[in-house]
Amino acid sequence: MQNWSTRLLLMLFVLTLLVAGCAKKPVAEEAVVEEKAEVAVVEEQPTAAIVEEQVDEAAAARAAAEEAARAAEAAARAGLARIHFDFDQYLLTDTAKNILENNAKLLKAAPVVKVKIEGHCDERGSDEYNLALGEKRALATMNYLVSLGVSADRLSIISYGEEMPLDPAKTEEAWAKNRRAEFRVVL
């Protein structure tokens, strides 16, 4: 019986050592895990602040870019000047080219602005002839703007012929005003 009780005591002793030895390792590992977690929290705080700062800077940059785009669009709307043509012509005059060079600068400063170029004529000539001439004037205007670096996909044309005169009088001066290309900013 003593042999059996000695074995039992020995087994209890070994079991106690195992339990005590195993209990210490998880406690030590938990402490290391907790220390790593604290370090991770400390490291995340500056990173989160940096990310938030970068987000704020990006939002500010977007807002500034949007404001600049709105200002450029407003300048384009206000600054795009009409050009005039000689009687029965769609060739650009030197004066018209100078005006278009300024218009191209405005359009390049506002890259999101799209423009419809309207071709107009005086009342002399048939409706069909004036519609065709108005289209040629608008197309010549568009082609010159494209040659100055304005993207063609931002430009469209339409001809109104003699339908929308600036001056309804039947004088040479009124007819000269009506032979034109106009610029309409479209959304």
N, C-alpha and C. Protein backbone atom coordinates (compact mmCIF):
# COMPACT_ATOMS: atom_id res chain seq x y z
N MET A 1 0.81 -1.17 0.00
CA MET A 1 0.00 0.00 0.00
C MET A 1 0.87 1.25 0.00
N GLN A 2 2.00 1.14 0.65
CA GLN A 2 2.89 2.27 0.71
C GLN A 2 3.45 2.57 -0.68
N ASN A 3 3.68 1.59 -1.45
CA ASN A 3 4.17 1.76 -2.79
C ASN A 3 3.13 2.50 -3.64
N TRP A 4 1.93 2.15 -3.45
CA TRP A 4 0.87 2.80 -4.19
C TRP A 4 0.70 4.22 -3.72
N SER A 5 0.77 4.52 -2.46
CA SER A 5 0.62 5.87 -1.94
C SER A 5 1.83 6.72 -2.31
N THR A 6 3.00 6.14 -2.38
CA THR A 6 4.19 6.88 -2.79
C THR A 6 4.04 7.30 -4.25
N ARG A 7 3.56 6.37 -5.01
CA ARG A 7 3.34 6.70 -6.42
C ARG A 7 2.29 7.80 -6.56
N LEU A 8 1.26 7.74 -5.77
CA LEU A 8 0.20 8.75 -5.83
C LEU A 8 0.75 10.10 -5.44
N LEU A 9 1.54 10.15 -4.38
CA LEU A 9 2.15 11.41 -3.95
C LEU A 9 3.10 11.95 -5.03
N LEU A 10 3.86 11.04 -5.60
CA LEU A 10 4.78 11.46 -6.64
C LEU A 10 4.04 12.02 -7.85
N MET A 11 2.95 11.38 -8.20
CA MET A 11 2.16 11.84 -9.33
C MET A 11 1.50 13.18 -9.02
N LEU A 12 1.02 13.38 -7.79
CA LEU A 12 0.44 14.67 -7.40
C LEU A 12 1.48 15.77 -7.44
N PHE A 13 2.70 15.44 -6.98
CA PHE A 13 3.78 16.41 -6.99
C PHE A 13 4.12 16.84 -8.43
N VAL A 14 4.24 15.84 -9.32
CA VAL A 14 4.55 16.13 -10.72
C VAL A 14 3.41 16.93 -11.35
N LEU A 15 2.19 16.56 -11.04
CA LEU A 15 1.02 17.26 -11.57
C LEU A 15 1.00 18.71 -11.09
N THR A 16 1.34 18.93 -9.83
CA THR A 16 1.38 20.27 -9.26
C THR A 16 2.45 21.11 -9.97
N LEU A 17 3.60 20.50 -10.21
CA LEU A 17 4.65 21.22 -10.92
C LEU A 17 4.22 21.58 -12.34
N LEU A 18 3.57 20.65 -12.99
CA LEU A 18 3.11 20.93 -14.36
C LEU A 18 2.08 22.05 -14.39
N VAL A 19 1.14 21.97 -13.46
CA VAL A 19 0.09 23.01 -13.42
C VAL A 19 0.71 24.35 -13.09
N ALA A 20 1.60 24.37 -12.11
CA ALA A 20 2.24 25.63 -11.74
C ALA A 20 3.12 26.15 -12.87
N GLY A 21 3.84 25.28 -13.52
CA GLY A 21 4.70 25.68 -14.63
C GLY A 21 3.91 26.17 -15.82
N CYS A 22 2.81 25.56 -16.14
CA CYS A 22 1.98 25.96 -17.28
C CYS A 22 1.26 27.25 -16.99
N ALA A 23 0.88 27.48 -15.75
CA ALA A 23 0.15 28.69 -15.41
C ALA A 23 1.02 29.92 -15.57
N LYS A 24 2.32 29.80 -15.33
CA LYS A 24 3.19 30.96 -15.42
C LYS A 24 3.43 31.39 -16.86
N LYS A 25 3.54 30.47 -17.79
CA LYS A 25 3.83 30.84 -19.17
C LYS A 25 2.71 31.68 -19.78
N PRO A 26 1.44 31.31 -19.70
CA PRO A 26 0.41 32.15 -20.28
C PRO A 26 0.37 33.53 -19.64
N VAL A 27 0.63 33.63 -18.34
CA VAL A 27 0.63 34.93 -17.69
C VAL A 27 1.72 35.79 -18.30
N ALA A 28 2.91 35.21 -18.50
CA ALA A 28 4.02 35.95 -19.07
C ALA A 28 3.71 36.34 -20.51
N GLU A 29 3.11 35.45 -21.29
CA GLU A 29 2.77 35.76 -22.66
C GLU A 29 1.70 36.84 -22.73
N GLU A 30 0.74 36.80 -21.81
CA GLU A 30 -0.29 37.83 -21.78
C GLU A 30 0.32 39.19 -21.51
N ALA A 31 1.31 39.24 -20.60
CA ALA A 31 1.95 40.50 -20.29
C ALA A 31 2.67 41.04 -21.52
N VAL A 32 3.34 40.16 -22.27
CA VAL A 32 4.04 40.59 -23.48
C VAL A 32 3.03 41.07 -24.51
N VAL A 33 1.92 40.34 -24.65
CA VAL A 33 0.88 40.74 -25.60
C VAL A 33 0.31 42.09 -25.20
N GLU A 34 0.08 42.31 -23.89
CA GLU A 34 -0.43 43.60 -23.43
C GLU A 34 0.57 44.71 -23.71
N GLU A 35 1.86 44.45 -23.51
CA GLU A 35 2.88 45.46 -23.80
C GLU A 35 2.89 45.79 -25.29
N LYS A 36 2.79 44.76 -26.13
CA LYS A 36 2.77 44.99 -27.57
C LYS A 36 1.53 45.79 -27.96
N ALA A 37 0.39 45.50 -27.34
CA ALA A 37 -0.84 46.22 -27.62
C ALA A 37 -0.70 47.69 -27.25
N GLU A 38 -0.05 47.96 -26.09
CA GLU A 38 0.16 49.35 -25.69
C GLU A 38 1.06 50.06 -26.68
N VAL A 39 2.10 49.41 -27.14
CA VAL A 39 3.00 50.00 -28.13
C VAL A 39 2.24 50.26 -29.42
N ALA A 40 1.40 49.30 -29.82
CA ALA A 40 0.63 49.46 -31.04
C ALA A 40 -0.31 50.65 -30.92
N VAL A 41 -0.95 50.83 -29.78
CA VAL A 41 -1.85 51.96 -29.59
C VAL A 41 -1.07 53.27 -29.67
N VAL A 42 0.10 53.29 -29.05
CA VAL A 42 0.93 54.50 -29.09
C VAL A 42 1.34 54.79 -30.52
N GLU A 43 1.68 53.77 -31.30
CA GLU A 43 2.08 53.97 -32.69
C GLU A 43 0.91 54.37 -33.58
N GLU A 44 -0.29 53.90 -33.30
CA GLU A 44 -1.45 54.21 -34.12
C GLU A 44 -1.89 55.65 -33.97
N GLN A 45 -1.73 56.23 -32.82
CA GLN A 45 -2.20 57.59 -32.61
C GLN A 45 -1.51 58.59 -33.53
N PRO A 46 -0.18 58.59 -33.65
CA PRO A 46 0.42 59.52 -34.60
C PRO A 46 0.04 59.21 -36.04
N THR A 47 -0.08 57.94 -36.38
CA THR A 47 -0.46 57.56 -37.73
C THR A 47 -1.86 58.08 -38.05
N ALA A 48 -2.78 57.92 -37.11
CA ALA A 48 -4.14 58.40 -37.31
C ALA A 48 -4.14 59.92 -37.46
N ALA A 49 -3.34 60.60 -36.68
CA ALA A 49 -3.27 62.06 -36.78
C ALA A 49 -2.70 62.48 -38.13
N ILE A 50 -1.68 61.74 -38.58
CA ILE A 50 -1.09 62.06 -39.87
C ILE A 50 -2.09 61.82 -40.99
N VAL A 51 -2.80 60.70 -40.92
CA VAL A 51 -3.80 60.39 -41.94
C VAL A 51 -4.90 61.46 -41.94
N GLU A 52 -5.35 61.85 -40.77
CA GLU A 52 -6.39 62.88 -40.68
C GLU A 52 -5.88 64.20 -41.24
N GLU A 53 -4.65 64.53 -40.96
CA GLU A 53 -4.05 65.76 -41.48
C GLU A 53 -3.96 65.70 -43.01
N GLN A 54 -3.57 64.53 -43.54
CA GLN A 54 -3.48 64.38 -44.98
C GLN A 54 -4.85 64.48 -45.63
N VAL A 55 -5.87 63.92 -44.98
CA VAL A 55 -7.23 64.01 -45.49
C VAL A 55 -7.68 65.46 -45.51
N ASP A 56 -7.37 66.20 -44.43
CA ASP A 56 -7.73 67.61 -44.37
C ASP A 56 -7.01 68.40 -45.47
N GLU A 57 -5.73 68.11 -45.68
CA GLU A 57 -4.97 68.79 -46.72
C GLU A 57 -5.54 68.47 -48.10
N ALA A 58 -5.91 67.22 -48.32
CA ALA A 58 -6.48 66.82 -49.61
C ALA A 58 -7.82 67.52 -49.84
N ALA A 59 -8.64 67.60 -48.79
CA ALA A 59 -9.93 68.28 -48.91
C ALA A 59 -9.72 69.77 -49.19
N ALA A 60 -8.75 70.37 -48.53
CA ALA A 60 -8.46 71.78 -48.76
C ALA A 60 -7.96 72.00 -50.19
N ALA A 61 -7.13 71.08 -50.67
CA ALA A 61 -6.61 71.19 -52.04
C ALA A 61 -7.75 71.03 -53.05
N ARG A 62 -8.66 70.08 -52.79
CA ARG A 62 -9.82 69.91 -53.69
C ARG A 62 -10.68 71.16 -53.69
N ALA A 63 -10.92 71.72 -52.51
CA ALA A 63 -11.74 72.92 -52.41
C ALA A 63 -11.08 74.08 -53.16
N ALA A 64 -9.76 74.22 -53.02
CA ALA A 64 -9.05 75.28 -53.73
C ALA A 64 -9.11 75.07 -55.24
N ALA A 65 -8.97 73.82 -55.67
CA ALA A 65 -9.04 73.51 -57.11
C ALA A 65 -10.44 73.78 -57.65
N GLU A 66 -11.46 73.43 -56.88
CA GLU A 66 -12.84 73.69 -57.31
C GLU A 66 -13.10 75.18 -57.40
N GLU A 67 -12.60 75.93 -56.44
CA GLU A 67 -12.76 77.39 -56.45
C GLU A 67 -12.05 77.99 -57.65
N ALA A 68 -10.85 77.51 -57.94
CA ALA A 68 -10.11 78.00 -59.11
C ALA A 68 -10.85 77.66 -60.40
N ALA A 69 -11.43 76.46 -60.45
CA ALA A 69 -12.20 76.07 -61.64
C ALA A 69 -13.43 76.95 -61.81
N ARG A 70 -14.11 77.25 -60.70
CA ARG A 70 -15.28 78.15 -60.77
C ARG A 70 -14.87 79.54 -61.23
N ALA A 71 -13.74 80.03 -60.71
CA ALA A 71 -13.26 81.36 -61.11
C ALA A 71 -12.90 81.38 -62.59
N ALA A 72 -12.24 80.30 -63.05
CA ALA A 72 -11.87 80.22 -64.46
C ALA A 72 -13.12 80.13 -65.34
N GLU A 73 -14.12 79.39 -64.88
CA GLU A 73 -15.36 79.28 -65.64
C GLU A 73 -16.05 80.63 -65.71
N ALA A 74 -16.09 81.35 -64.59
CA ALA A 74 -16.70 82.67 -64.58
C ALA A 74 -15.95 83.62 -65.51
N ALA A 75 -14.62 83.54 -65.49
CA ALA A 75 -13.82 84.39 -66.38
C ALA A 75 -14.09 84.03 -67.84
N ALA A 76 -14.23 82.73 -68.11
CA ALA A 76 -14.51 82.31 -69.49
C ALA A 76 -15.88 82.82 -69.92
N ARG A 77 -16.87 82.68 -69.05
CA ARG A 77 -18.22 83.16 -69.38
C ARG A 77 -18.20 84.66 -69.68
N ALA A 78 -17.51 85.41 -68.85
CA ALA A 78 -17.50 86.86 -68.99
C ALA A 78 -16.56 87.33 -70.10
N GLY A 79 -15.49 86.57 -70.35
CA GLY A 79 -14.45 87.07 -71.24
C GLY A 79 -14.49 86.57 -72.67
N LEU A 80 -15.26 85.53 -72.96
CA LEU A 80 -15.29 85.03 -74.34
C LEU A 80 -15.96 86.06 -75.23
N ALA A 81 -15.20 86.57 -76.16
CA ALA A 81 -15.70 87.65 -77.03
C ALA A 81 -16.12 87.10 -78.38
N ARG A 82 -17.13 87.71 -78.95
CA ARG A 82 -17.60 87.31 -80.28
C ARG A 82 -16.62 87.82 -81.33
N ILE A 83 -16.67 87.18 -82.46
CA ILE A 83 -15.86 87.62 -83.59
C ILE A 83 -16.80 87.93 -84.75
N HIS A 84 -16.30 88.75 -85.68
CA HIS A 84 -17.11 89.13 -86.84
C HIS A 84 -16.42 88.70 -88.13
N PHE A 85 -17.24 88.58 -89.17
CA PHE A 85 -16.76 88.13 -90.48
C PHE A 85 -17.11 89.17 -91.53
N ASP A 86 -16.34 89.13 -92.62
CA ASP A 86 -16.64 89.98 -93.77
C ASP A 86 -17.85 89.42 -94.50
N PHE A 87 -18.45 90.24 -95.38
CA PHE A 87 -19.62 89.84 -96.14
C PHE A 87 -19.33 88.59 -96.96
N ASP A 88 -20.21 87.61 -96.82
CA ASP A 88 -20.18 86.37 -97.60
C ASP A 88 -18.87 85.59 -97.41
N GLN A 89 -18.27 85.70 -96.22
CA GLN A 89 -16.99 85.04 -95.93
C GLN A 89 -17.07 84.22 -94.65
N TYR A 90 -16.25 83.20 -94.58
CA TYR A 90 -16.08 82.44 -93.33
C TYR A 90 -14.61 82.37 -92.94
N LEU A 91 -13.76 83.07 -93.68
CA LEU A 91 -12.34 83.15 -93.34
C LEU A 91 -12.16 84.11 -92.17
N LEU A 92 -11.26 83.76 -91.28
CA LEU A 92 -11.03 84.58 -90.10
C LEU A 92 -10.15 85.78 -90.45
N THR A 93 -10.56 86.95 -89.99
CA THR A 93 -9.75 88.15 -90.17
C THR A 93 -8.65 88.16 -89.10
N ASP A 94 -7.67 89.04 -89.27
CA ASP A 94 -6.61 89.17 -88.27
C ASP A 94 -7.19 89.60 -86.91
N THR A 95 -8.17 90.48 -86.94
CA THR A 95 -8.82 90.91 -85.71
C THR A 95 -9.50 89.73 -85.03
N ALA A 96 -10.19 88.92 -85.81
CA ALA A 96 -10.87 87.74 -85.26
C ALA A 96 -9.87 86.76 -84.67
N LYS A 97 -8.74 86.58 -85.33
CA LYS A 97 -7.71 85.67 -84.80
C LYS A 97 -7.16 86.16 -83.47
N ASN A 98 -6.95 87.46 -83.35
CA ASN A 98 -6.47 88.02 -82.07
C ASN A 98 -7.48 87.78 -80.96
N ILE A 99 -8.74 87.97 -81.26
CA ILE A 99 -9.79 87.73 -80.27
C ILE A 99 -9.83 86.25 -79.90
N LEU A 100 -9.70 85.37 -80.88
CA LEU A 100 -9.73 83.93 -80.62
C LEU A 100 -8.52 83.49 -79.80
N GLU A 101 -7.38 84.13 -79.99
CA GLU A 101 -6.21 83.80 -79.17
C GLU A 101 -6.49 84.10 -77.70
N ASN A 102 -7.14 85.20 -77.42
CA ASN A 102 -7.53 85.53 -76.05
C ASN A 102 -8.57 84.54 -75.53
N ASN A 103 -9.54 84.21 -76.38
CA ASN A 103 -10.55 83.22 -75.98
C ASN A 103 -9.92 81.87 -75.67
N ALA A 104 -8.91 81.48 -76.46
CA ALA A 104 -8.22 80.20 -76.23
C ALA A 104 -7.52 80.22 -74.88
N LYS A 105 -6.90 81.32 -74.50
CA LYS A 105 -6.26 81.43 -73.19
C LYS A 105 -7.27 81.24 -72.07
N LEU A 106 -8.43 81.86 -72.22
CA LEU A 106 -9.48 81.71 -71.21
C LEU A 106 -9.95 80.26 -71.12
N LEU A 107 -10.11 79.63 -72.26
CA LEU A 107 -10.59 78.24 -72.27
C LEU A 107 -9.55 77.28 -71.72
N LYS A 108 -8.28 77.53 -72.00
CA LYS A 108 -7.23 76.66 -71.46
C LYS A 108 -7.11 76.83 -69.95
N ALA A 109 -7.43 78.01 -69.43
CA ALA A 109 -7.40 78.23 -67.98
C ALA A 109 -8.58 77.57 -67.29
N ALA A 110 -9.61 77.24 -68.04
CA ALA A 110 -10.80 76.59 -67.49
C ALA A 110 -11.04 75.28 -68.24
N PRO A 111 -10.26 74.23 -67.94
CA PRO A 111 -10.31 73.01 -68.75
C PRO A 111 -11.61 72.22 -68.65
N VAL A 112 -12.49 72.54 -67.73
CA VAL A 112 -13.76 71.80 -67.65
C VAL A 112 -14.87 72.51 -68.40
N VAL A 113 -14.62 73.72 -68.85
CA VAL A 113 -15.65 74.50 -69.55
C VAL A 113 -15.83 73.98 -70.97
N LYS A 114 -17.08 73.77 -71.33
CA LYS A 114 -17.42 73.38 -72.70
C LYS A 114 -18.15 74.55 -73.35
N VAL A 115 -17.91 74.73 -74.64
CA VAL A 115 -18.44 75.90 -75.34
C VAL A 115 -19.15 75.47 -76.62
N LYS A 116 -20.29 76.11 -76.85
CA LYS A 116 -20.99 75.94 -78.13
C LYS A 116 -20.70 77.20 -78.95
N ILE A 117 -20.19 77.01 -80.14
CA ILE A 117 -19.89 78.13 -81.03
C ILE A 117 -21.07 78.27 -81.99
N GLU A 118 -21.65 79.45 -81.99
CA GLU A 118 -22.83 79.73 -82.81
C GLU A 118 -22.42 80.57 -84.02
N GLY A 119 -22.75 80.08 -85.20
CA GLY A 119 -22.48 80.83 -86.43
C GLY A 119 -23.71 81.62 -86.84
N HIS A 120 -23.52 82.91 -87.16
CA HIS A 120 -24.62 83.80 -87.54
C HIS A 120 -24.31 84.53 -88.83
N CYS A 121 -25.37 84.96 -89.52
CA CYS A 121 -25.23 85.67 -90.79
C CYS A 121 -26.16 86.89 -90.79
N ASP A 122 -25.96 87.76 -91.79
CA ASP A 122 -26.93 88.83 -91.97
C ASP A 122 -28.11 88.28 -92.76
N GLU A 123 -29.10 89.10 -93.00
CA GLU A 123 -30.34 88.61 -93.61
C GLU A 123 -30.27 88.43 -95.11
N ARG A 124 -29.20 88.88 -95.74
CA ARG A 124 -29.09 88.74 -97.19
C ARG A 124 -28.73 87.29 -97.54
N GLY A 125 -29.36 86.76 -98.55
CA GLY A 125 -29.15 85.38 -98.97
C GLY A 125 -30.31 84.51 -98.50
N SER A 126 -30.42 83.32 -99.08
CA SER A 126 -31.52 82.42 -98.72
C SER A 126 -31.27 81.81 -97.34
N ASP A 127 -32.33 81.27 -96.77
CA ASP A 127 -32.21 80.62 -95.45
C ASP A 127 -31.19 79.48 -95.50
N GLU A 128 -31.27 78.65 -96.55
CA GLU A 128 -30.36 77.51 -96.68
C GLU A 128 -28.91 77.96 -96.82
N TYR A 129 -28.71 78.99 -97.65
CA TYR A 129 -27.36 79.51 -97.85
C TYR A 129 -26.79 80.06 -96.54
N ASN A 130 -27.60 80.82 -95.82
CA ASN A 130 -27.13 81.43 -94.58
C ASN A 130 -26.89 80.39 -93.49
N LEU A 131 -27.69 79.33 -93.45
CA LEU A 131 -27.44 78.25 -92.48
C LEU A 131 -26.10 77.57 -92.78
N ALA A 132 -25.84 77.33 -94.05
CA ALA A 132 -24.57 76.70 -94.44
C ALA A 132 -23.39 77.64 -94.15
N LEU A 133 -23.55 78.93 -94.44
CA LEU A 133 -22.48 79.90 -94.18
C LEU A 133 -22.23 80.04 -92.68
N GLY A 134 -23.30 80.06 -91.90
CA GLY A 134 -23.16 80.13 -90.44
C GLY A 134 -22.41 78.92 -89.89
N GLU A 135 -22.67 77.74 -90.46
CA GLU A 135 -21.97 76.53 -90.04
C GLU A 135 -20.48 76.61 -90.40
N LYS A 136 -20.19 77.12 -91.59
CA LYS A 136 -18.79 77.26 -92.00
C LYS A 136 -18.06 78.24 -91.07
N ARG A 137 -18.73 79.30 -90.66
CA ARG A 137 -18.12 80.28 -89.76
C ARG A 137 -17.85 79.65 -88.39
N ALA A 138 -18.82 78.92 -87.89
CA ALA A 138 -18.64 78.26 -86.59
C ALA A 138 -17.52 77.22 -86.67
N LEU A 139 -17.48 76.48 -87.76
CA LEU A 139 -16.45 75.45 -87.94
C LEU A 139 -15.05 76.06 -88.07
N ALA A 140 -14.95 77.15 -88.81
CA ALA A 140 -13.65 77.84 -88.95
C ALA A 140 -13.18 78.35 -87.58
N THR A 141 -14.11 78.85 -86.81
CA THR A 141 -13.79 79.34 -85.46
C THR A 141 -13.32 78.19 -84.58
N MET A 142 -14.04 77.09 -84.61
CA MET A 142 -13.67 75.93 -83.80
C MET A 142 -12.29 75.40 -84.21
N ASN A 143 -12.05 75.27 -85.50
CA ASN A 143 -10.77 74.74 -85.98
C ASN A 143 -9.61 75.63 -85.53
N TYR A 144 -9.80 76.93 -85.54
CA TYR A 144 -8.73 77.82 -85.11
C TYR A 144 -8.47 77.66 -83.61
N LEU A 145 -9.53 77.54 -82.82
CA LEU A 145 -9.34 77.32 -81.38
C LEU A 145 -8.62 76.00 -81.12
N VAL A 146 -8.95 74.98 -81.86
CA VAL A 146 -8.27 73.68 -81.71
C VAL A 146 -6.79 73.82 -82.07
N SER A 147 -6.51 74.59 -83.13
CA SER A 147 -5.11 74.80 -83.51
C SER A 147 -4.33 75.56 -82.44
N LEU A 148 -5.05 76.29 -81.59
CA LEU A 148 -4.42 77.02 -80.48
C LEU A 148 -4.31 76.18 -79.21
N GLY A 149 -4.75 74.93 -79.27
CA GLY A 149 -4.58 74.04 -78.13
C GLY A 149 -5.82 73.75 -77.32
N VAL A 150 -6.97 74.23 -77.74
CA VAL A 150 -8.22 73.92 -77.04
C VAL A 150 -8.70 72.56 -77.53
N SER A 151 -9.07 71.68 -76.62
CA SER A 151 -9.49 70.33 -76.97
C SER A 151 -10.80 70.36 -77.76
N ALA A 152 -10.83 69.64 -78.87
CA ALA A 152 -12.01 69.63 -79.74
C ALA A 152 -13.24 69.04 -79.05
N ASP A 153 -13.03 68.14 -78.09
CA ASP A 153 -14.19 67.53 -77.42
C ASP A 153 -14.88 68.50 -76.47
N ARG A 154 -14.29 69.66 -76.26
CA ARG A 154 -14.92 70.70 -75.42
C ARG A 154 -15.72 71.69 -76.25
N LEU A 155 -15.65 71.56 -77.57
CA LEU A 155 -16.28 72.53 -78.46
C LEU A 155 -17.34 71.85 -79.31
N SER A 156 -18.43 72.56 -79.53
CA SER A 156 -19.47 72.11 -80.46
C SER A 156 -19.91 73.31 -81.27
N ILE A 157 -20.56 73.07 -82.39
CA ILE A 157 -20.98 74.16 -83.25
C ILE A 157 -22.46 74.04 -83.57
N ILE A 158 -23.03 75.19 -83.92
CA ILE A 158 -24.40 75.25 -84.41
C ILE A 158 -24.51 76.48 -85.30
N SER A 159 -25.37 76.42 -86.29
CA SER A 159 -25.60 77.57 -87.16
C SER A 159 -27.02 78.06 -86.96
N TYR A 160 -27.14 79.36 -86.77
CA TYR A 160 -28.46 79.98 -86.69
C TYR A 160 -28.78 80.78 -87.95
N GLY A 161 -27.84 80.81 -88.88
CA GLY A 161 -28.08 81.56 -90.11
C GLY A 161 -28.42 82.99 -89.79
N GLU A 162 -29.55 83.44 -90.34
CA GLU A 162 -30.00 84.82 -90.12
C GLU A 162 -31.07 84.92 -89.03
N GLU A 163 -31.34 83.84 -88.32
CA GLU A 163 -32.45 83.76 -87.37
C GLU A 163 -32.31 84.65 -86.13
N MET A 164 -31.09 84.95 -85.69
CA MET A 164 -30.90 85.68 -84.43
C MET A 164 -30.01 86.90 -84.64
N PRO A 165 -30.50 87.93 -85.28
CA PRO A 165 -29.66 89.10 -85.53
C PRO A 165 -29.41 89.90 -84.23
N LEU A 166 -28.23 90.47 -84.15
CA LEU A 166 -27.94 91.39 -83.04
C LEU A 166 -28.65 92.72 -83.26
N ASP A 167 -28.66 93.14 -84.49
CA ASP A 167 -29.27 94.43 -84.85
C ASP A 167 -30.26 94.17 -85.99
N PRO A 168 -31.55 94.38 -85.77
CA PRO A 168 -32.54 94.07 -86.81
C PRO A 168 -32.64 95.12 -87.93
N ALA A 169 -31.90 96.20 -87.82
CA ALA A 169 -31.97 97.24 -88.85
C ALA A 169 -31.48 96.69 -90.19
N LYS A 170 -31.88 97.34 -91.25
CA LYS A 170 -31.50 96.92 -92.59
C LYS A 170 -30.47 97.90 -93.15
N THR A 171 -29.35 98.00 -92.43
CA THR A 171 -28.26 98.88 -92.86
C THR A 171 -26.98 98.07 -92.93
N GLU A 172 -26.00 98.65 -93.64
CA GLU A 172 -24.70 97.96 -93.75
C GLU A 172 -24.07 97.77 -92.37
N GLU A 173 -24.23 98.75 -91.51
CA GLU A 173 -23.67 98.67 -90.15
C GLU A 173 -24.34 97.54 -89.35
N ALA A 174 -25.64 97.41 -89.45
CA ALA A 174 -26.37 96.34 -88.75
C ALA A 174 -25.98 94.98 -89.31
N TRP A 175 -25.89 94.87 -90.63
CA TRP A 175 -25.52 93.60 -91.23
C TRP A 175 -24.11 93.16 -90.80
N ALA A 176 -23.19 94.13 -90.67
CA ALA A 176 -21.82 93.82 -90.23
C ALA A 176 -21.83 93.26 -88.79
N LYS A 177 -22.70 93.78 -87.93
CA LYS A 177 -22.81 93.27 -86.56
C LYS A 177 -23.35 91.85 -86.54
N ASN A 178 -24.22 91.53 -87.49
CA ASN A 178 -24.89 90.23 -87.50
C ASN A 178 -24.03 89.10 -88.07
N ARG A 179 -22.99 89.43 -88.81
CA ARG A 179 -22.08 88.41 -89.38
C ARG A 179 -21.05 88.07 -88.31
N ARG A 180 -21.33 87.01 -87.53
CA ARG A 180 -20.52 86.79 -86.33
C ARG A 180 -20.51 85.33 -85.91
N ALA A 181 -19.62 85.06 -84.94
CA ALA A 181 -19.63 83.79 -84.21
C ALA A 181 -19.69 84.15 -82.73
N GLU A 182 -20.61 83.51 -82.01
CA GLU A 182 -20.82 83.74 -80.58
C GLU A 182 -20.36 82.52 -79.82
N PHE A 183 -20.09 82.71 -78.53
CA PHE A 183 -19.63 81.62 -77.67
C PHE A 183 -20.59 81.48 -76.50
N ARG A 184 -21.13 80.29 -76.31
CA ARG A 184 -22.04 80.00 -75.19
C ARG A 184 -21.43 78.89 -74.35
N VAL A 185 -21.22 79.16 -73.07
CA VAL A 185 -20.72 78.12 -72.16
C VAL A 185 -21.87 77.18 -71.87
N VAL A 186 -21.64 75.90 -72.06
CA VAL A 186 -22.66 74.88 -71.81
C VAL A 186 -22.24 74.03 -70.63
N LEU A 187 -23.21 73.53 -69.92
CA LEU A 187 -22.91 72.72 -68.73
C LEU A 187 -22.92 71.26 -69.05
